[in-house]
């Protein structure tokens, strides 16, 4: 119980401090590099925060998304490796109707149509 109370008091100021520091870093890096390199205007702290939010939306950065964030791709690759050539072709045919033609994954030879 004490740990939860301690976190409740420490977490909000820590989050604000992190956002402030990161915003300042983005603003100073922008103002140091981009006006001299590309002739762009300098930005304010609030514009730097807006850039951080925009980059988060567009690129999904700022850390991992849990310990197993790559598990889906590993499972997909493992399932593909376990498929027989007939199952792979059936899978390709089912997706061609949805996505159009696509090439075989790297490492596989394409059979002439």
PDB file of N, CA and C in Angstrom:
ATOM      1  N   UNK A   1       0.823  -1.204   0.000  1.00  0.00           N
ATOM      2  CA  UNK A   1       0.000   0.000   0.000  1.00  0.00           C
ATOM      3  C   UNK A   1       0.862   1.263   0.000  1.00  0.00           C
ATOM      4  N   UNK A   2       1.945   1.225   0.786  1.00  0.00           N
ATOM      5  CA  UNK A   2       2.818   2.393   0.846  1.00  0.00           C
ATOM      6  C   UNK A   2       3.474   2.668  -0.507  1.00  0.00           C
ATOM      7  N   UNK A   3       3.795   1.599  -1.228  1.00  0.00           N
ATOM      8  CA  UNK A   3       4.434   1.768  -2.528  1.00  0.00           C
ATOM      9  C   UNK A   3       3.511   2.487  -3.498  1.00  0.00           C
ATOM     10  N   UNK A   4       2.231   2.156  -3.466  1.00  0.00           N
ATOM     11  CA  UNK A   4       1.268   2.819  -4.351  1.00  0.00           C
ATOM     12  C   UNK A   4       1.139   4.297  -4.006  1.00  0.00           C
ATOM     13  N   UNK A   5       1.137   4.628  -2.740  1.00  0.00           N
ATOM     14  CA  UNK A   5       1.046   6.039  -2.332  1.00  0.00           C
ATOM     15  C   UNK A   5       2.296   6.778  -2.777  1.00  0.00           C
ATOM     16  N   UNK A   6       3.469   6.168  -2.597  1.00  0.00           N
ATOM     17  CA  UNK A   6       4.722   6.775  -2.995  1.00  0.00           C
ATOM     18  C   UNK A   6       4.746   7.029  -4.499  1.00  0.00           C
ATOM     19  N   UNK A   7       4.283   6.046  -5.274  1.00  0.00           N
ATOM     20  CA  UNK A   7       4.245   6.195  -6.735  1.00  0.00           C
ATOM     21  C   UNK A   7       3.277   7.299  -7.136  1.00  0.00           C
ATOM     22  N   UNK A   8       2.154   7.417  -6.440  1.00  0.00           N
ATOM     23  CA  UNK A   8       1.163   8.442  -6.750  1.00  0.00           C
ATOM     24  C   UNK A   8       1.731   9.848  -6.576  1.00  0.00           C
ATOM     25  N   UNK A   9       2.666  10.010  -5.636  1.00  0.00           N
ATOM     26  CA  UNK A   9       3.257  11.325  -5.413  1.00  0.00           C
ATOM     27  C   UNK A   9       4.460  11.589  -6.315  1.00  0.00           C
ATOM     28  N   UNK A  10       5.178  10.548  -6.678  1.00  0.00           N
ATOM     29  CA  UNK A  10       6.407  10.720  -7.450  1.00  0.00           C
ATOM     30  C   UNK A  10       6.151  10.690  -8.958  1.00  0.00           C
ATOM     31  N   UNK A  11       5.240   9.860  -9.417  1.00  0.00           N
ATOM     32  CA  UNK A  11       5.040   9.671 -10.855  1.00  0.00           C
ATOM     33  C   UNK A  11       4.621  10.950 -11.592  1.00  0.00           C
ATOM     34  N   UNK A  12       3.606  11.686 -11.143  1.00  0.00           N
ATOM     35  CA  UNK A  12       3.216  12.885 -11.915  1.00  0.00           C
ATOM     36  C   UNK A  12       4.339  13.907 -12.082  1.00  0.00           C
ATOM     37  N   UNK A  13       5.074  14.273 -11.010  1.00  0.00           N
ATOM     38  CA  UNK A  13       6.180  15.209 -11.242  1.00  0.00           C
ATOM     39  C   UNK A  13       7.274  14.622 -12.129  1.00  0.00           C
ATOM     40  N   UNK A  14       7.522  13.325 -12.030  1.00  0.00           N
ATOM     41  CA  UNK A  14       8.541  12.696 -12.868  1.00  0.00           C
ATOM     42  C   UNK A  14       8.131  12.742 -14.334  1.00  0.00           C
ATOM     43  N   UNK A  15       6.854  12.509 -14.617  1.00  0.00           N
ATOM     44  CA  UNK A  15       6.360  12.563 -15.993  1.00  0.00           C
ATOM     45  C   UNK A  15       6.488  13.981 -16.542  1.00  0.00           C
ATOM     46  N   UNK A  16       6.097  14.966 -15.746  1.00  0.00           N
ATOM     47  CA  UNK A  16       6.201  16.369 -16.173  1.00  0.00           C
ATOM     48  C   UNK A  16       7.663  16.734 -16.418  1.00  0.00           C
ATOM     49  N   UNK A  17       8.555  16.298 -15.534  1.00  0.00           N
ATOM     50  CA  UNK A  17       9.980  16.587 -15.690  1.00  0.00           C
ATOM     51  C   UNK A  17      10.528  15.942 -16.962  1.00  0.00           C
ATOM     52  N   UNK A  18      10.155  14.702 -17.223  1.00  0.00           N
ATOM     53  CA  UNK A  18      10.607  14.011 -18.434  1.00  0.00           C
ATOM     54  C   UNK A  18      10.130  14.748 -19.683  1.00  0.00           C
ATOM     55  N   UNK A  19       8.854  15.123 -19.717  1.00  0.00           N
ATOM     56  CA  UNK A  19       8.309  15.837 -20.875  1.00  0.00           C
ATOM     57  C   UNK A  19       9.016  17.171 -21.060  1.00  0.00           C
ATOM     58  N   UNK A  20       9.260  17.881 -19.961  1.00  0.00           N
ATOM     59  CA  UNK A  20       9.936  19.175 -20.044  1.00  0.00           C
ATOM     60  C   UNK A  20      11.361  19.015 -20.576  1.00  0.00           C
ATOM     61  N   UNK A  21      12.106  18.054 -20.022  1.00  0.00           N
ATOM     62  CA  UNK A  21      13.491  17.851 -20.461  1.00  0.00           C
ATOM     63  C   UNK A  21      13.534  17.440 -21.925  1.00  0.00           C
ATOM     64  N   UNK A  22      12.691  16.483 -22.310  1.00  0.00           N
ATOM     65  CA  UNK A  22      12.702  16.013 -23.692  1.00  0.00           C
ATOM     66  C   UNK A  22      12.283  17.129 -24.645  1.00  0.00           C
ATOM     67  N   UNK A  23      11.305  17.939 -24.257  1.00  0.00           N
ATOM     68  CA  UNK A  23      10.889  19.077 -25.080  1.00  0.00           C
ATOM     69  C   UNK A  23      12.009  20.085 -25.256  1.00  0.00           C
ATOM     70  N   UNK A  24      12.734  20.348 -24.183  1.00  0.00           N
ATOM     71  CA  UNK A  24      13.867  21.265 -24.262  1.00  0.00           C
ATOM     72  C   UNK A  24      14.963  20.719 -25.171  1.00  0.00           C
ATOM     73  N   UNK A  25      15.234  19.421 -25.069  1.00  0.00           N
ATOM     74  CA  UNK A  25      16.267  18.811 -25.912  1.00  0.00           C
ATOM     75  C   UNK A  25      15.882  18.924 -27.391  1.00  0.00           C
ATOM     76  N   UNK A  26      14.616  18.605 -27.709  1.00  0.00           N
ATOM     77  CA  UNK A  26      14.155  18.690 -29.095  1.00  0.00           C
ATOM     78  C   UNK A  26      14.254  20.133 -29.594  1.00  0.00           C
ATOM     79  N   UNK A  27      13.800  21.079 -28.778  1.00  0.00           N
ATOM     80  CA  UNK A  27      13.833  22.485 -29.173  1.00  0.00           C
ATOM     81  C   UNK A  27      15.267  22.952 -29.429  1.00  0.00           C
ATOM     82  N   UNK A  28      16.187  22.636 -28.516  1.00  0.00           N
ATOM     83  CA  UNK A  28      17.563  23.102 -28.677  1.00  0.00           C
ATOM     84  C   UNK A  28      18.267  22.419 -29.862  1.00  0.00           C
ATOM     85  N   UNK A  29      18.009  21.131 -30.059  1.00  0.00           N
ATOM     86  CA  UNK A  29      18.604  20.468 -31.216  1.00  0.00           C
ATOM     87  C   UNK A  29      18.085  21.048 -32.520  1.00  0.00           C
ATOM     88  N   UNK A  30      16.779  21.279 -32.582  1.00  0.00           N
ATOM     89  CA  UNK A  30      16.197  21.889 -33.787  1.00  0.00           C
ATOM     90  C   UNK A  30      16.821  23.260 -34.033  1.00  0.00           C
ATOM     91  N   UNK A  31      16.815  24.103 -32.994  1.00  0.00           N
ATOM     92  CA  UNK A  31      17.303  25.477 -33.142  1.00  0.00           C
ATOM     93  C   UNK A  31      18.807  25.533 -33.405  1.00  0.00           C
ATOM     94  N   UNK A  32      19.544  24.507 -33.011  1.00  0.00           N
ATOM     95  CA  UNK A  32      20.979  24.472 -33.250  1.00  0.00           C
ATOM     96  C   UNK A  32      21.292  23.993 -34.667  1.00  0.00           C
ATOM     97  N   UNK A  33      20.547  22.976 -35.143  1.00  0.00           N
ATOM     98  CA  UNK A  33      20.897  22.358 -36.414  1.00  0.00           C
ATOM     99  C   UNK A  33      20.125  22.876 -37.625  1.00  0.00           C
ATOM    100  N   UNK A  34      18.816  22.879 -37.544  1.00  0.00           N
ATOM    101  CA  UNK A  34      18.015  23.077 -38.750  1.00  0.00           C
ATOM    102  C   UNK A  34      18.039  24.485 -39.335  1.00  0.00           C
ATOM    103  N   UNK A  35      18.068  25.548 -38.527  1.00  0.00           N
ATOM    104  CA  UNK A  35      18.171  26.867 -39.175  1.00  0.00           C
ATOM    105  C   UNK A  35      19.468  27.043 -39.974  1.00  0.00           C
ATOM    106  N   UNK A  36      20.579  26.557 -39.438  1.00  0.00           N
ATOM    107  CA  UNK A  36      21.844  26.741 -40.155  1.00  0.00           C
ATOM    108  C   UNK A  36      21.982  25.773 -41.330  1.00  0.00           C
ATOM    109  N   UNK A  37      21.423  24.551 -41.210  1.00  0.00           N
ATOM    110  CA  UNK A  37      21.548  23.578 -42.295  1.00  0.00           C
ATOM    111  C   UNK A  37      20.560  23.814 -43.426  1.00  0.00           C
ATOM    112  N   UNK A  38      19.309  24.102 -43.067  1.00  0.00           N
ATOM    113  CA  UNK A  38      18.249  24.175 -44.075  1.00  0.00           C
ATOM    114  C   UNK A  38      17.551  25.522 -44.147  1.00  0.00           C
ATOM    115  N   UNK A  39      17.973  26.471 -43.360  1.00  0.00           N
ATOM    116  CA  UNK A  39      17.363  27.795 -43.397  1.00  0.00           C
ATOM    117  C   UNK A  39      15.964  27.840 -42.787  1.00  0.00           C
ATOM    118  N   UNK A  40      15.645  26.901 -41.909  1.00  0.00           N
ATOM    119  CA  UNK A  40      14.322  26.887 -41.268  1.00  0.00           C
ATOM    120  C   UNK A  40      14.315  27.827 -40.072  1.00  0.00           C
ATOM    121  N   UNK A  41      13.106  28.184 -39.639  1.00  0.00           N
ATOM    122  CA  UNK A  41      12.969  29.068 -38.482  1.00  0.00           C
ATOM    123  C   UNK A  41      13.234  28.312 -37.191  1.00  0.00           C
ATOM    124  N   UNK A  42      13.573  29.049 -36.158  1.00  0.00           N
ATOM    125  CA  UNK A  42      13.688  28.446 -34.831  1.00  0.00           C
ATOM    126  C   UNK A  42      12.297  28.169 -34.294  1.00  0.00           C
ATOM    127  N   UNK A  43      12.186  27.213 -33.369  1.00  0.00           N
ATOM    128  CA  UNK A  43      10.888  26.846 -32.809  1.00  0.00           C
ATOM    129  C   UNK A  43      10.861  27.118 -31.312  1.00  0.00           C
ATOM    130  N   UNK A  44       9.650  27.182 -30.777  1.00  0.00           N
ATOM    131  CA  UNK A  44       9.462  27.385 -29.343  1.00  0.00           C
ATOM    132  C   UNK A  44       9.356  26.032 -28.642  1.00  0.00           C
ATOM    133  N   UNK A  45       9.339  26.085 -27.328  1.00  0.00           N
ATOM    134  CA  UNK A  45       9.181  24.866 -26.527  1.00  0.00           C
ATOM    135  C   UNK A  45       7.882  24.159 -26.888  1.00  0.00           C
ATOM    136  N   UNK A  46       6.799  24.900 -27.052  1.00  0.00           N
ATOM    137  CA  UNK A  46       5.492  24.283 -27.340  1.00  0.00           C
ATOM    138  C   UNK A  46       5.465  23.658 -28.736  1.00  0.00           C
ATOM    139  N   UNK A  47       6.150  24.277 -29.673  1.00  0.00           N
ATOM    140  CA  UNK A  47       6.264  23.674 -30.994  1.00  0.00           C
ATOM    141  C   UNK A  47       7.092  22.393 -30.942  1.00  0.00           C
ATOM    142  N   UNK A  48       8.117  22.367 -30.097  1.00  0.00           N
ATOM    143  CA  UNK A  48       8.914  21.153 -29.920  1.00  0.00           C
ATOM    144  C   UNK A  48       8.051  20.032 -29.331  1.00  0.00           C
ATOM    145  N   UNK A  49       7.199  20.369 -28.366  1.00  0.00           N
ATOM    146  CA  UNK A  49       6.287  19.353 -27.812  1.00  0.00           C
ATOM    147  C   UNK A  49       5.332  18.857 -28.890  1.00  0.00           C
ATOM    148  N   UNK A  50       4.848  19.764 -29.721  1.00  0.00           N
ATOM    149  CA  UNK A  50       3.980  19.357 -30.820  1.00  0.00           C
ATOM    150  C   UNK A  50       4.684  18.423 -31.788  1.00  0.00           C
ATOM    151  N   UNK A  51       5.954  18.692 -32.069  1.00  0.00           N
ATOM    152  CA  UNK A  51       6.736  17.796 -32.928  1.00  0.00           C
ATOM    153  C   UNK A  51       6.897  16.417 -32.293  1.00  0.00           C
ATOM    154  N   UNK A  52       7.114  16.388 -30.979  1.00  0.00           N
ATOM    155  CA  UNK A  52       7.231  15.103 -30.285  1.00  0.00           C
ATOM    156  C   UNK A  52       5.938  14.311 -30.396  1.00  0.00           C
ATOM    157  N   UNK A  53       4.807  14.966 -30.195  1.00  0.00           N
ATOM    158  CA  UNK A  53       3.512  14.284 -30.285  1.00  0.00           C
ATOM    159  C   UNK A  53       3.268  13.806 -31.711  1.00  0.00           C
ATOM    160  N   UNK A  54       3.570  14.660 -32.686  1.00  0.00           N
ATOM    161  CA  UNK A  54       3.393  14.275 -34.085  1.00  0.00           C
ATOM    162  C   UNK A  54       4.271  13.079 -34.454  1.00  0.00           C
ATOM    163  N   UNK A  55       5.522  13.092 -34.007  1.00  0.00           N
ATOM    164  CA  UNK A  55       6.400  11.960 -34.313  1.00  0.00           C
ATOM    165  C   UNK A  55       5.922  10.694 -33.623  1.00  0.00           C
ATOM    166  N   UNK A  56       5.363  10.831 -32.441  1.00  0.00           N
ATOM    167  CA  UNK A  56       4.807   9.658 -31.737  1.00  0.00           C
ATOM    168  C   UNK A  56       3.628   9.081 -32.519  1.00  0.00           C
ATOM    169  N   UNK A  57       2.782   9.941 -33.040  1.00  0.00           N
ATOM    170  CA  UNK A  57       1.627   9.483 -33.821  1.00  0.00           C
ATOM    171  C   UNK A  57       2.084   8.831 -35.118  1.00  0.00           C
ATOM    172  N   UNK A  58       3.022   9.465 -35.816  1.00  0.00           N
ATOM    173  CA  UNK A  58       3.442   8.966 -37.123  1.00  0.00           C
ATOM    174  C   UNK A  58       4.350   7.744 -37.045  1.00  0.00           C
ATOM    175  N   UNK A  59       5.259   7.728 -36.086  1.00  0.00           N
ATOM    176  CA  UNK A  59       6.280   6.690 -36.062  1.00  0.00           C
ATOM    177  C   UNK A  59       6.163   5.743 -34.879  1.00  0.00           C
ATOM    178  N   UNK A  60       5.359   6.051 -33.881  1.00  0.00           N
ATOM    179  CA  UNK A  60       5.158   5.157 -32.744  1.00  0.00           C
ATOM    180  C   UNK A  60       6.403   4.930 -31.920  1.00  0.00           C
ATOM    181  N   UNK A  61       7.224   5.910 -31.752  1.00  0.00           N
ATOM    182  CA  UNK A  61       8.467   5.757 -31.010  1.00  0.00           C
ATOM    183  C   UNK A  61       8.274   5.839 -29.510  1.00  0.00           C
ATOM    184  N   UNK A  62       9.289   6.294 -28.818  1.00  0.00           N
ATOM    185  CA  UNK A  62       9.330   6.493 -27.372  1.00  0.00           C
ATOM    186  C   UNK A  62       9.283   5.183 -26.591  1.00  0.00           C
ATOM    187  N   UNK A  63       9.991   4.179 -27.016  1.00  0.00           N
ATOM    188  CA  UNK A  63      10.117   2.978 -26.202  1.00  0.00           C
ATOM    189  C   UNK A  63       9.392   1.780 -26.753  1.00  0.00           C
ATOM    190  N   UNK A  64       9.605   0.673 -26.047  1.00  0.00           N
ATOM    191  CA  UNK A  64       9.010  -0.592 -26.462  1.00  0.00           C
ATOM    192  C   UNK A  64       7.532  -0.616 -26.086  1.00  0.00           C
ATOM    193  N   UNK A  65       6.816  -1.524 -26.711  1.00  0.00           N
ATOM    194  CA  UNK A  65       5.397  -1.683 -26.442  1.00  0.00           C
ATOM    195  C   UNK A  65       5.151  -2.992 -25.712  1.00  0.00           C
ATOM    196  N   UNK A  66       5.914  -3.246 -24.694  1.00  0.00           N
ATOM    197  CA  UNK A  66       5.777  -4.474 -23.931  1.00  0.00           C
ATOM    198  C   UNK A  66       6.881  -5.453 -24.257  1.00  0.00           C
ATOM    199  N   UNK A  67       7.042  -6.463 -23.421  1.00  0.00           N
ATOM    200  CA  UNK A  67       8.154  -7.384 -23.600  1.00  0.00           C
ATOM    201  C   UNK A  67       8.031  -8.274 -24.832  1.00  0.00           C
ATOM    202  N   UNK A  68       6.828  -8.513 -25.333  1.00  0.00           N
ATOM    203  CA  UNK A  68       6.626  -9.409 -26.469  1.00  0.00           C
ATOM    204  C   UNK A  68       6.113  -8.673 -27.691  1.00  0.00           C
ATOM    205  N   UNK A  69       6.562  -7.422 -27.922  1.00  0.00           N
ATOM    206  CA  UNK A  69       6.010  -6.656 -29.033  1.00  0.00           C
ATOM    207  C   UNK A  69       6.372  -7.245 -30.388  1.00  0.00           C
ATOM    208  N   UNK A  70       7.409  -8.080 -30.482  1.00  0.00           N
ATOM    209  CA  UNK A  70       7.769  -8.703 -31.750  1.00  0.00           C
ATOM    210  C   UNK A  70       7.268 -10.129 -31.877  1.00  0.00           C
ATOM    211  N   UNK A  71       6.517 -10.588 -30.904  1.00  0.00           N
ATOM    212  CA  UNK A  71       6.055 -11.982 -30.877  1.00  0.00           C
ATOM    213  C   UNK A  71       5.186 -12.321 -32.082  1.00  0.00           C
ATOM    214  N   UNK A  72       4.321 -11.405 -32.492  1.00  0.00           N
ATOM    215  CA  UNK A  72       3.431 -11.666 -33.629  1.00  0.00           C
ATOM    216  C   UNK A  72       4.241 -12.017 -34.879  1.00  0.00           C
ATOM    217  N   UNK A  73       5.302 -11.246 -35.149  1.00  0.00           N
ATOM    218  CA  UNK A  73       6.098 -11.470 -36.356  1.00  0.00           C
ATOM    219  C   UNK A  73       6.882 -12.767 -36.260  1.00  0.00           C
ATOM    220  N   UNK A  74       7.396 -13.078 -35.072  1.00  0.00           N
ATOM    221  CA  UNK A  74       8.109 -14.348 -34.910  1.00  0.00           C
ATOM    222  C   UNK A  74       7.160 -15.522 -35.120  1.00  0.00           C
ATOM    223  N   UNK A  75       5.953 -15.430 -34.561  1.00  0.00           N
ATOM    224  CA  UNK A  75       4.978 -16.510 -34.731  1.00  0.00           C
ATOM    225  C   UNK A  75       4.587 -16.674 -36.188  1.00  0.00           C
ATOM    226  N   UNK A  76       4.426 -15.571 -36.886  1.00  0.00           N
ATOM    227  CA  UNK A  76       4.074 -15.632 -38.303  1.00  0.00           C
ATOM    228  C   UNK A  76       5.168 -16.325 -39.100  1.00  0.00           C
ATOM    229  N   UNK A  77       6.412 -15.970 -38.839  1.00  0.00           N
ATOM    230  CA  UNK A  77       7.529 -16.588 -39.547  1.00  0.00           C
ATOM    231  C   UNK A  77       7.630 -18.078 -39.228  1.00  0.00           C
ATOM    232  N   UNK A  78       7.407 -18.429 -37.974  1.00  0.00           N
ATOM    233  CA  UNK A  78       7.461 -19.841 -37.591  1.00  0.00           C
ATOM    234  C   UNK A  78       6.353 -20.636 -38.276  1.00  0.00           C
ATOM    235  N   UNK A  79       5.155 -20.079 -38.340  1.00  0.00           N
ATOM    236  CA  UNK A  79       4.049 -20.768 -39.023  1.00  0.00           C
ATOM    237  C   UNK A  79       4.368 -20.963 -40.501  1.00  0.00           C
ATOM    238  N   UNK A  80       4.957 -19.938 -41.130  1.00  0.00           N
ATOM    239  CA  UNK A  80       5.306 -20.032 -42.544  1.00  0.00           C
ATOM    240  C   UNK A  80       6.325 -21.148 -42.758  1.00  0.00           C
ATOM    241  N   UNK A  81       7.302 -21.248 -41.879  1.00  0.00           N
ATOM    242  CA  UNK A  81       8.333 -22.282 -42.017  1.00  0.00           C
ATOM    243  C   UNK A  81       7.754 -23.686 -41.852  1.00  0.00           C
ATOM    244  N   UNK A  82       6.724 -23.841 -41.055  1.00  0.00           N
ATOM    245  CA  UNK A  82       6.112 -25.152 -40.837  1.00  0.00           C
ATOM    246  C   UNK A  82       5.183 -25.570 -41.971  1.00  0.00           C
ATOM    247  N   UNK A  83       4.800 -24.637 -42.835  1.00  0.00           N
ATOM    248  CA  UNK A  83       3.872 -24.964 -43.927  1.00  0.00           C
ATOM    249  C   UNK A  83       4.562 -25.801 -45.002  1.00  0.00           C
ATOM    250  N   UNK A  84       3.798 -26.672 -45.598  1.00  0.00           N
ATOM    251  CA  UNK A  84       4.304 -27.416 -46.752  1.00  0.00           C
ATOM    252  C   UNK A  84       4.217 -26.504 -47.979  1.00  0.00           C
ATOM    253  N   UNK A  85       4.928 -26.830 -49.055  1.00  0.00           N
ATOM    254  CA  UNK A  85       4.823 -26.003 -50.273  1.00  0.00           C
ATOM    255  C   UNK A  85       3.378 -25.888 -50.777  1.00  0.00           C
ATOM    256  N   UNK A  86       2.580 -26.943 -50.626  1.00  0.00           N
ATOM    257  CA  UNK A  86       1.182 -26.887 -51.062  1.00  0.00           C
ATOM    258  C   UNK A  86       0.378 -25.916 -50.196  1.00  0.00           C
ATOM    259  N   UNK A  87       0.625 -25.942 -48.882  1.00  0.00           N
ATOM    260  CA  UNK A  87      -0.079 -25.013 -47.987  1.00  0.00           C
ATOM    261  C   UNK A  87       0.328 -23.569 -48.279  1.00  0.00           C
ATOM    262  N   UNK A  88       1.599 -23.345 -48.589  1.00  0.00           N
ATOM    263  CA  UNK A  88       2.061 -21.995 -48.915  1.00  0.00           C
ATOM    264  C   UNK A  88       1.385 -21.478 -50.186  1.00  0.00           C
ATOM    265  N   UNK A  89       1.288 -22.330 -51.179  1.00  0.00           N
ATOM    266  CA  UNK A  89       0.646 -21.909 -52.425  1.00  0.00           C
ATOM    267  C   UNK A  89      -0.836 -21.628 -52.206  1.00  0.00           C
ATOM    268  N   UNK A  90      -1.486 -22.449 -51.417  1.00  0.00           N
ATOM    269  CA  UNK A  90      -2.903 -22.216 -51.104  1.00  0.00           C
ATOM    270  C   UNK A  90      -3.065 -20.884 -50.376  1.00  0.00           C
ATOM    271  N   UNK A  91      -2.166 -20.600 -49.446  1.00  0.00           N
ATOM    272  CA  UNK A  91      -2.194 -19.333 -48.717  1.00  0.00           C
ATOM    273  C   UNK A  91      -1.996 -18.155 -49.673  1.00  0.00           C
ATOM    274  N   UNK A  92      -1.009 -18.273 -50.580  1.00  0.00           N
ATOM    275  CA  UNK A  92      -0.773 -17.209 -51.561  1.00  0.00           C
ATOM    276  C   UNK A  92      -2.005 -16.969 -52.420  1.00  0.00           C
ATOM    277  N   UNK A  93      -2.628 -18.056 -52.879  1.00  0.00           N
ATOM    278  CA  UNK A  93      -3.814 -17.927 -53.730  1.00  0.00           C
ATOM    279  C   UNK A  93      -4.933 -17.203 -52.992  1.00  0.00           C
ATOM    280  N   UNK A  94      -5.112 -17.516 -51.714  1.00  0.00           N
ATOM    281  CA  UNK A  94      -6.183 -16.858 -50.955  1.00  0.00           C
ATOM    282  C   UNK A  94      -5.918 -15.354 -50.819  1.00  0.00           C
ATOM    283  N   UNK A  95      -4.648 -14.967 -50.690  1.00  0.00           N
ATOM    284  CA  UNK A  95      -4.323 -13.557 -50.547  1.00  0.00           C
ATOM    285  C   UNK A  95      -4.260 -12.827 -51.875  1.00  0.00           C
ATOM    286  N   UNK A  96      -4.013 -13.514 -52.958  1.00  0.00           N
ATOM    287  CA  UNK A  96      -3.987 -12.846 -54.262  1.00  0.00           C
ATOM    288  C   UNK A  96      -5.340 -12.228 -54.585  1.00  0.00           C
ATOM    289  N   UNK A  97      -6.421 -12.894 -54.187  1.00  0.00           N
ATOM    290  CA  UNK A  97      -7.751 -12.348 -54.410  1.00  0.00           C
ATOM    291  C   UNK A  97      -7.999 -11.074 -53.621  1.00  0.00           C
ATOM    292  N   UNK A  98      -7.333 -10.946 -52.478  1.00  0.00           N
ATOM    293  CA  UNK A  98      -7.523  -9.765 -51.621  1.00  0.00           C
ATOM    294  C   UNK A  98      -6.539  -8.658 -51.933  1.00  0.00           C
ATOM    295  N   UNK A  99      -5.283  -9.026 -52.210  1.00  0.00           N
ATOM    296  CA  UNK A  99      -4.216  -8.028 -52.314  1.00  0.00           C
ATOM    297  C   UNK A  99      -3.611  -7.910 -53.699  1.00  0.00           C
ATOM    298  N   UNK A 100      -3.962  -8.777 -54.596  1.00  0.00           N
ATOM    299  CA  UNK A 100      -3.307  -8.769 -55.892  1.00  0.00           C
ATOM    300  C   UNK A 100      -2.063  -9.629 -55.852  1.00  0.00           C
ATOM    301  N   UNK A 101      -1.302  -9.605 -56.909  1.00  0.00           N
ATOM    302  CA  UNK A 101      -0.110 -10.456 -57.012  1.00  0.00           C
ATOM    303  C   UNK A 101       1.011  -9.914 -56.134  1.00  0.00           C
ATOM    304  N   UNK A 102       1.734 -10.828 -55.504  1.00  0.00           N
ATOM    305  CA  UNK A 102       2.925 -10.457 -54.768  1.00  0.00           C
ATOM    306  C   UNK A 102       3.954 -11.560 -54.935  1.00  0.00           C
ATOM    307  N   UNK A 103       5.227 -11.182 -54.751  1.00  0.00           N
ATOM    308  CA  UNK A 103       6.318 -12.131 -54.971  1.00  0.00           C
ATOM    309  C   UNK A 103       6.500 -13.046 -53.779  1.00  0.00           C
ATOM    310  N   UNK A 104       7.217 -14.133 -54.012  1.00  0.00           N
ATOM    311  CA  UNK A 104       7.522 -15.094 -52.950  1.00  0.00           C
ATOM    312  C   UNK A 104       8.467 -14.444 -51.950  1.00  0.00           C
ATOM    313  N   UNK A 105       8.414 -14.850 -50.681  1.00  0.00           N
ATOM    314  CA  UNK A 105       9.347 -14.314 -49.690  1.00  0.00           C
ATOM    315  C   UNK A 105      10.793 -14.625 -50.067  1.00  0.00           C
ATOM    316  N   UNK A 106      11.703 -13.847 -49.509  1.00  0.00           N
ATOM    317  CA  UNK A 106      13.123 -14.020 -49.818  1.00  0.00           C
ATOM    318  C   UNK A 106      13.568 -15.428 -49.467  1.00  0.00           C
ATOM    319  N   UNK A 107      14.406 -15.998 -50.301  1.00  0.00           N
ATOM    320  CA  UNK A 107      14.922 -17.329 -50.041  1.00  0.00           C
ATOM    321  C   UNK A 107      14.146 -18.436 -50.725  1.00  0.00           C
ATOM    322  N   UNK A 108      13.003 -18.114 -51.289  1.00  0.00           N
ATOM    323  CA  UNK A 108      12.207 -19.113 -52.001  1.00  0.00           C
ATOM    324  C   UNK A 108      12.307 -18.859 -53.494  1.00  0.00           C
ATOM    325  N   UNK A 109      12.308 -19.929 -54.256  1.00  0.00           N
ATOM    326  CA  UNK A 109      12.339 -19.769 -55.701  1.00  0.00           C
ATOM    327  C   UNK A 109      10.922 -19.661 -56.216  1.00  0.00           C
ATOM    328  N   UNK A 110      10.742 -18.786 -57.178  1.00  0.00           N
ATOM    329  CA  UNK A 110       9.421 -18.623 -57.777  1.00  0.00           C
ATOM    330  C   UNK A 110       9.261 -19.648 -58.896  1.00  0.00           C
ATOM    331  N   UNK A 111       8.128 -20.283 -58.912  1.00  0.00           N
ATOM    332  CA  UNK A 111       7.852 -21.244 -59.969  1.00  0.00           C
ATOM    333  C   UNK A 111       7.219 -20.508 -61.139  1.00  0.00           C
ATOM    334  N   UNK A 112       7.542 -20.894 -62.377  1.00  0.00           N
ATOM    335  CA  UNK A 112       6.956 -20.218 -63.536  1.00  0.00           C
ATOM    336  C   UNK A 112       5.448 -20.417 -63.587  1.00  0.00           C
ATOM    337  N   UNK A 113       4.749 -19.370 -63.967  1.00  0.00           N
ATOM    338  CA  UNK A 113       3.284 -19.425 -63.995  1.00  0.00           C
ATOM    339  C   UNK A 113       2.785 -20.040 -65.287  1.00  0.00           C
TER     340      UNK A 113
END
